[in-house]
Amino acid sequence: MQQNEPSDIQEIEKRSFEWRAFFFITVILFPVLSIMVVGGYGFLIWMSQVFFFGPPGHG
Protein backbone atom coordinates (compact mmCIF):
# COMPACT_ATOMS: atom_id res chain seq x y z
CA MET A 1 0.00 0.00 0.00
CA GLN A 2 1.34 3.44 -0.91
CA GLN A 3 1.71 6.21 1.64
CA ASN A 4 -0.12 8.93 -0.30
CA GLU A 5 -3.14 6.75 -1.12
CA PRO A 6 -6.28 8.04 0.67
CA SER A 7 -7.84 5.66 3.13
CA ASP A 8 -11.53 4.88 3.46
CA ILE A 9 -11.75 6.95 6.65
CA GLN A 10 -10.37 10.01 4.88
CA GLU A 11 -12.88 9.56 2.07
CA ILE A 12 -15.75 9.31 4.56
CA GLU A 13 -14.55 12.43 6.39
CA LYS A 14 -14.22 14.26 3.07
CA ARG A 15 -17.77 13.33 2.05
CA SER A 16 -19.09 14.39 5.45
CA PHE A 17 -17.32 17.74 5.16
CA GLU A 18 -18.65 18.26 1.63
CA TRP A 19 -22.23 17.53 2.72
CA ARG A 20 -21.95 19.92 5.68
CA ALA A 21 -20.50 22.61 3.42
CA PHE A 22 -23.29 22.05 0.87
CA PHE A 23 -26.01 22.36 3.50
CA PHE A 24 -24.36 25.44 5.02
CA ILE A 25 -24.25 27.12 1.62
CA THR A 26 -27.81 26.21 0.61
CA VAL A 27 -29.56 26.63 3.97
CA ILE A 28 -27.68 29.55 5.54
CA LEU A 29 -25.37 31.41 3.16
CA PHE A 30 -27.52 31.84 0.02
CA PRO A 31 -30.70 32.86 1.88
CA VAL A 32 -28.80 35.39 3.99
CA LEU A 33 -27.02 36.80 0.95
CA SER A 34 -30.26 37.08 -1.02
CA ILE A 35 -31.96 38.92 1.86
CA MET A 36 -28.98 41.27 2.11
CA VAL A 37 -28.96 41.98 -1.64
CA VAL A 38 -32.70 42.65 -1.85
CA GLY A 39 -32.65 44.72 1.35
CA GLY A 40 -29.64 46.69 0.16
CA TYR A 41 -31.30 47.41 -3.17
CA GLY A 42 -34.49 48.53 -1.43
CA PHE A 43 -32.50 50.76 0.91
CA LEU A 44 -30.67 52.28 -2.06
CA ILE A 45 -33.95 53.07 -3.83
CA TRP A 46 -35.46 54.46 -0.63
CA MET A 47 -32.49 56.75 0.06
CA SER A 48 -32.40 57.94 -3.56
CA GLN A 49 -36.07 58.91 -3.24
CA VAL A 50 -35.46 60.70 0.05
CA PHE A 51 -32.48 62.76 -1.13
CA PHE A 52 -32.64 63.05 -4.92
CA PHE A 53 -35.70 61.97 -6.87
CA GLY A 54 -38.68 62.18 -4.55
CA PRO A 55 -41.48 59.65 -4.33
CA PRO A 56 -42.93 58.07 -7.47
CA GLY A 57 -45.54 60.28 -9.12
CA HIS A 58 -44.08 63.42 -7.56
CA GLY A 59 -44.43 66.41 -9.91
PDB file of N, CA and C in Angstrom:
ATOM      1  N   MET A   1       0.840  -1.182   0.000  1.00  0.00           N
ATOM      2  CA  MET A   1       0.000   0.000   0.000  1.00  0.00           C
ATOM      3  C   MET A   1       0.888   1.249   0.000  1.00  0.00           C
ATOM      4  N   GLN A   2       0.544   2.224  -0.820  1.00  0.00           N
ATOM      5  CA  GLN A   2       1.341   3.441  -0.909  1.00  0.00           C
ATOM      6  C   GLN A   2       0.978   4.399   0.221  1.00  0.00           C
ATOM      7  N   GLN A   3       1.914   5.269   0.542  1.00  0.00           N
ATOM      8  CA  GLN A   3       1.713   6.215   1.641  1.00  0.00           C
ATOM      9  C   GLN A   3       0.713   7.310   1.289  1.00  0.00           C
ATOM     10  N   ASN A   4       0.729   7.798   0.061  1.00  0.00           N
ATOM     11  CA  ASN A   4      -0.121   8.927  -0.297  1.00  0.00           C
ATOM     12  C   ASN A   4      -1.502   8.500  -0.801  1.00  0.00           C
ATOM     13  N   GLU A   5      -1.827   7.240  -0.699  1.00  0.00           N
ATOM     14  CA  GLU A   5      -3.140   6.750  -1.119  1.00  0.00           C
ATOM     15  C   GLU A   5      -4.169   7.051  -0.029  1.00  0.00           C
ATOM     16  N   PRO A   6      -5.301   7.699  -0.361  1.00  0.00           N
ATOM     17  CA  PRO A   6      -6.284   8.041   0.671  1.00  0.00           C
ATOM     18  C   PRO A   6      -6.966   6.792   1.220  1.00  0.00           C
ATOM     19  N   SER A   7      -7.179   6.797   2.497  1.00  0.00           N
ATOM     20  CA  SER A   7      -7.838   5.660   3.130  1.00  0.00           C
ATOM     21  C   SER A   7      -9.344   5.854   3.086  1.00  0.00           C
ATOM     22  N   ASP A   8     -10.073   4.811   3.449  1.00  0.00           N
ATOM     23  CA  ASP A   8     -11.531   4.877   3.461  1.00  0.00           C
ATOM     24  C   ASP A   8     -12.026   5.888   4.486  1.00  0.00           C
ATOM     25  N   ILE A   9     -11.332   6.009   5.604  1.00  0.00           N
ATOM     26  CA  ILE A   9     -11.747   6.951   6.649  1.00  0.00           C
ATOM     27  C   ILE A   9     -11.613   8.384   6.139  1.00  0.00           C
ATOM     28  N   GLN A  10     -10.544   8.669   5.427  1.00  0.00           N
ATOM     29  CA  GLN A  10     -10.369  10.013   4.880  1.00  0.00           C
ATOM     30  C   GLN A  10     -11.446  10.332   3.855  1.00  0.00           C
ATOM     31  N   GLU A  11     -11.819   9.342   3.051  1.00  0.00           N
ATOM     32  CA  GLU A  11     -12.885   9.558   2.065  1.00  0.00           C
ATOM     33  C   GLU A  11     -14.214   9.831   2.751  1.00  0.00           C
ATOM     34  N   ILE A  12     -14.509   9.104   3.812  1.00  0.00           N
ATOM     35  CA  ILE A  12     -15.755   9.309   4.556  1.00  0.00           C
ATOM     36  C   ILE A  12     -15.762  10.690   5.197  1.00  0.00           C
ATOM     37  N   GLU A  13     -14.637  11.097   5.788  1.00  0.00           N
ATOM     38  CA  GLU A  13     -14.547  12.430   6.387  1.00  0.00           C
ATOM     39  C   GLU A  13     -14.699  13.516   5.323  1.00  0.00           C
ATOM     40  N   LYS A  14     -14.121  13.290   4.158  1.00  0.00           N
ATOM     41  CA  LYS A  14     -14.223  14.264   3.073  1.00  0.00           C
ATOM     42  C   LYS A  14     -15.669  14.401   2.613  1.00  0.00           C
ATOM     43  N   ARG A  15     -16.362  13.277   2.448  1.00  0.00           N
ATOM     44  CA  ARG A  15     -17.770  13.330   2.046  1.00  0.00           C
ATOM     45  C   ARG A  15     -18.607  14.039   3.095  1.00  0.00           C
ATOM     46  N   SER A  16     -18.345  13.739   4.363  1.00  0.00           N
ATOM     47  CA  SER A  16     -19.093  14.386   5.445  1.00  0.00           C
ATOM     48  C   SER A  16     -18.872  15.897   5.422  1.00  0.00           C
ATOM     49  N   PHE A  17     -17.630  16.311   5.237  1.00  0.00           N
ATOM     50  CA  PHE A  17     -17.325  17.737   5.165  1.00  0.00           C
ATOM     51  C   PHE A  17     -18.013  18.385   3.969  1.00  0.00           C
ATOM     52  N   GLU A  18     -18.009  17.704   2.826  1.00  0.00           N
ATOM     53  CA  GLU A  18     -18.645  18.263   1.634  1.00  0.00           C
ATOM     54  C   GLU A  18     -20.150  18.419   1.833  1.00  0.00           C
ATOM     55  N   TRP A  19     -20.792  17.425   2.464  1.00  0.00           N
ATOM     56  CA  TRP A  19     -22.235  17.534   2.716  1.00  0.00           C
ATOM     57  C   TRP A  19     -22.533  18.673   3.679  1.00  0.00           C
ATOM     58  N   ARG A  20     -21.735  18.815   4.734  1.00  0.00           N
ATOM     59  CA  ARG A  20     -21.946  19.921   5.677  1.00  0.00           C
ATOM     60  C   ARG A  20     -21.744  21.262   4.992  1.00  0.00           C
ATOM     61  N   ALA A  21     -20.739  21.359   4.146  1.00  0.00           N
ATOM     62  CA  ALA A  21     -20.499  22.607   3.417  1.00  0.00           C
ATOM     63  C   ALA A  21     -21.656  22.905   2.464  1.00  0.00           C
ATOM     64  N   PHE A  22     -22.159  21.878   1.785  1.00  0.00           N
ATOM     65  CA  PHE A  22     -23.286  22.050   0.873  1.00  0.00           C
ATOM     66  C   PHE A  22     -24.516  22.552   1.619  1.00  0.00           C
ATOM     67  N   PHE A  23     -24.841  21.928   2.746  1.00  0.00           N
ATOM     68  CA  PHE A  23     -26.011  22.359   3.504  1.00  0.00           C
ATOM     69  C   PHE A  23     -25.826  23.758   4.089  1.00  0.00           C
ATOM     70  N   PHE A  24     -24.621  24.091   4.524  1.00  0.00           N
ATOM     71  CA  PHE A  24     -24.359  25.442   5.021  1.00  0.00           C
ATOM     72  C   PHE A  24     -24.600  26.469   3.919  1.00  0.00           C
ATOM     73  N   ILE A  25     -24.091  26.176   2.727  1.00  0.00           N
ATOM     74  CA  ILE A  25     -24.246  27.118   1.620  1.00  0.00           C
ATOM     75  C   ILE A  25     -25.707  27.265   1.224  1.00  0.00           C
ATOM     76  N   THR A  26     -26.434  26.141   1.105  1.00  0.00           N
ATOM     77  CA  THR A  26     -27.807  26.206   0.607  1.00  0.00           C
ATOM     78  C   THR A  26     -28.814  26.637   1.654  1.00  0.00           C
ATOM     79  N   VAL A  27     -28.575  26.331   2.932  1.00  0.00           N
ATOM     80  CA  VAL A  27     -29.563  26.632   3.971  1.00  0.00           C
ATOM     81  C   VAL A  27     -29.282  27.963   4.658  1.00  0.00           C
ATOM     82  N   ILE A  28     -28.015  28.342   4.781  1.00  0.00           N
ATOM     83  CA  ILE A  28     -27.679  29.553   5.538  1.00  0.00           C
ATOM     84  C   ILE A  28     -27.127  30.654   4.631  1.00  0.00           C
ATOM     85  N   LEU A  29     -26.096  30.358   3.879  1.00  0.00           N
ATOM     86  CA  LEU A  29     -25.373  31.407   3.160  1.00  0.00           C
ATOM     87  C   LEU A  29     -26.202  32.055   2.047  1.00  0.00           C
ATOM     88  N   PHE A  30     -26.761  31.256   1.133  1.00  0.00           N
ATOM     89  CA  PHE A  30     -27.520  31.838   0.020  1.00  0.00           C
ATOM     90  C   PHE A  30     -28.760  32.592   0.477  1.00  0.00           C
ATOM     91  N   PRO A  31     -29.560  32.060   1.419  1.00  0.00           N
ATOM     92  CA  PRO A  31     -30.704  32.862   1.877  1.00  0.00           C
ATOM     93  C   PRO A  31     -30.293  34.183   2.526  1.00  0.00           C
ATOM     94  N   VAL A  32     -29.254  34.156   3.343  1.00  0.00           N
ATOM     95  CA  VAL A  32     -28.803  35.392   3.993  1.00  0.00           C
ATOM     96  C   VAL A  32     -28.295  36.381   2.947  1.00  0.00           C
ATOM     97  N   LEU A  33     -27.525  35.904   1.989  1.00  0.00           N
ATOM     98  CA  LEU A  33     -27.023  36.802   0.945  1.00  0.00           C
ATOM     99  C   LEU A  33     -28.155  37.374   0.102  1.00  0.00           C
ATOM    100  N   SER A  34     -29.155  36.561  -0.213  1.00  0.00           N
ATOM    101  CA  SER A  34     -30.261  37.078  -1.023  1.00  0.00           C
ATOM    102  C   SER A  34     -31.055  38.128  -0.257  1.00  0.00           C
ATOM    103  N   ILE A  35     -31.263  37.920   1.041  1.00  0.00           N
ATOM    104  CA  ILE A  35     -31.957  38.923   1.856  1.00  0.00           C
ATOM    105  C   ILE A  35     -31.144  40.213   1.911  1.00  0.00           C
ATOM    106  N   MET A  36     -29.831  40.089   2.055  1.00  0.00           N
ATOM    107  CA  MET A  36     -28.983  41.275   2.109  1.00  0.00           C
ATOM    108  C   MET A  36     -28.988  42.033   0.780  1.00  0.00           C
ATOM    109  N   VAL A  37     -28.967  41.319  -0.329  1.00  0.00           N
ATOM    110  CA  VAL A  37     -28.959  41.979  -1.640  1.00  0.00           C
ATOM    111  C   VAL A  37     -30.283  42.700  -1.881  1.00  0.00           C
ATOM    112  N   VAL A  38     -31.400  42.020  -1.624  1.00  0.00           N
ATOM    113  CA  VAL A  38     -32.705  42.645  -1.847  1.00  0.00           C
ATOM    114  C   VAL A  38     -32.911  43.813  -0.887  1.00  0.00           C
ATOM    115  N   GLY A  39     -32.529  43.634   0.378  1.00  0.00           N
ATOM    116  CA  GLY A  39     -32.649  44.720   1.350  1.00  0.00           C
ATOM    117  C   GLY A  39     -31.764  45.898   1.009  1.00  0.00           C
ATOM    118  N   GLY A  40     -30.549  45.618   0.563  1.00  0.00           N
ATOM    119  CA  GLY A  40     -29.645  46.693   0.161  1.00  0.00           C
ATOM    120  C   GLY A  40     -30.155  47.455  -1.042  1.00  0.00           C
ATOM    121  N   TYR A  41     -30.729  46.748  -1.998  1.00  0.00           N
ATOM    122  CA  TYR A  41     -31.304  47.413  -3.174  1.00  0.00           C
ATOM    123  C   TYR A  41     -32.500  48.277  -2.770  1.00  0.00           C
ATOM    124  N   GLY A  42     -33.351  47.749  -1.907  1.00  0.00           N
ATOM    125  CA  GLY A  42     -34.493  48.532  -1.425  1.00  0.00           C
ATOM    126  C   GLY A  42     -34.052  49.767  -0.664  1.00  0.00           C
ATOM    127  N   PHE A  43     -33.024  49.620   0.167  1.00  0.00           N
ATOM    128  CA  PHE A  43     -32.495  50.760   0.908  1.00  0.00           C
ATOM    129  C   PHE A  43     -31.923  51.805  -0.042  1.00  0.00           C
ATOM    130  N   LEU A  44     -31.227  51.361  -1.075  1.00  0.00           N
ATOM    131  CA  LEU A  44     -30.666  52.282  -2.062  1.00  0.00           C
ATOM    132  C   LEU A  44     -31.771  53.063  -2.773  1.00  0.00           C
ATOM    133  N   ILE A  45     -32.826  52.390  -3.183  1.00  0.00           N
ATOM    134  CA  ILE A  45     -33.951  53.066  -3.835  1.00  0.00           C
ATOM    135  C   ILE A  45     -34.612  54.049  -2.869  1.00  0.00           C
ATOM    136  N   TRP A  46     -34.815  53.615  -1.634  1.00  0.00           N
ATOM    137  CA  TRP A  46     -35.461  54.461  -0.628  1.00  0.00           C
ATOM    138  C   TRP A  46     -34.648  55.731  -0.387  1.00  0.00           C
ATOM    139  N   MET A  47     -33.336  55.589  -0.193  1.00  0.00           N
ATOM    140  CA  MET A  47     -32.491  56.755   0.059  1.00  0.00           C
ATOM    141  C   MET A  47     -32.414  57.662  -1.168  1.00  0.00           C
ATOM    142  N   SER A  48     -32.421  57.090  -2.363  1.00  0.00           N
ATOM    143  CA  SER A  48     -32.404  57.943  -3.557  1.00  0.00           C
ATOM    144  C   SER A  48     -33.697  58.740  -3.669  1.00  0.00           C
ATOM    145  N   GLN A  49     -34.818  58.162  -3.230  1.00  0.00           N
ATOM    146  CA  GLN A  49     -36.074  58.906  -3.243  1.00  0.00           C
ATOM    147  C   GLN A  49     -36.082  59.988  -2.167  1.00  0.00           C
ATOM    148  N   VAL A  50     -35.480  59.714  -1.031  1.00  0.00           N
ATOM    149  CA  VAL A  50     -35.458  60.698   0.053  1.00  0.00           C
ATOM    150  C   VAL A  50     -34.598  61.902  -0.332  1.00  0.00           C
ATOM    151  N   PHE A  51     -33.429  61.672  -0.913  1.00  0.00           N
ATOM    152  CA  PHE A  51     -32.480  62.759  -1.131  1.00  0.00           C
ATOM    153  C   PHE A  51     -32.467  63.336  -2.542  1.00  0.00           C
ATOM    154  N   PHE A  52     -32.836  62.573  -3.559  1.00  0.00           N
ATOM    155  CA  PHE A  52     -32.635  63.048  -4.924  1.00  0.00           C
ATOM    156  C   PHE A  52     -33.906  63.128  -5.761  1.00  0.00           C
ATOM    157  N   PHE A  53     -34.647  62.056  -5.865  1.00  0.00           N
ATOM    158  CA  PHE A  53     -35.697  61.967  -6.871  1.00  0.00           C
ATOM    159  C   PHE A  53     -37.099  62.200  -6.345  1.00  0.00           C
ATOM    160  N   GLY A  54     -37.337  62.049  -5.090  1.00  0.00           N
ATOM    161  CA  GLY A  54     -38.682  62.179  -4.552  1.00  0.00           C
ATOM    162  C   GLY A  54     -39.491  60.910  -4.775  1.00  0.00           C
ATOM    163  N   PRO A  55     -40.664  60.858  -4.195  1.00  0.00           N
ATOM    164  CA  PRO A  55     -41.476  59.652  -4.331  1.00  0.00           C
ATOM    165  C   PRO A  55     -42.008  59.494  -5.756  1.00  0.00           C
ATOM    166  N   PRO A  56     -42.382  58.283  -6.134  1.00  0.00           N
ATOM    167  CA  PRO A  56     -42.935  58.072  -7.472  1.00  0.00           C
ATOM    168  C   PRO A  56     -44.208  58.892  -7.665  1.00  0.00           C
ATOM    169  N   GLY A  57     -44.373  59.475  -8.820  1.00  0.00           N
ATOM    170  CA  GLY A  57     -45.540  60.282  -9.117  1.00  0.00           C
ATOM    171  C   GLY A  57     -45.429  61.716  -8.650  1.00  0.00           C
ATOM    172  N   HIS A  58     -44.304  62.054  -8.046  1.00  0.00           N
ATOM    173  CA  HIS A  58     -44.083  63.419  -7.560  1.00  0.00           C
ATOM    174  C   HIS A  58     -43.756  64.326  -8.741  1.00  0.00           C
ATOM    175  N   GLY A  59     -44.500  65.407  -8.895  1.00  0.00           N
ATOM    176  CA  GLY A  59     -44.434  66.412  -9.909  1.00  0.00           C
ATOM    177  C   GLY A  59     -43.241  66.489 -10.737  1.00  0.00           C
TER     178      GLY A  59
END
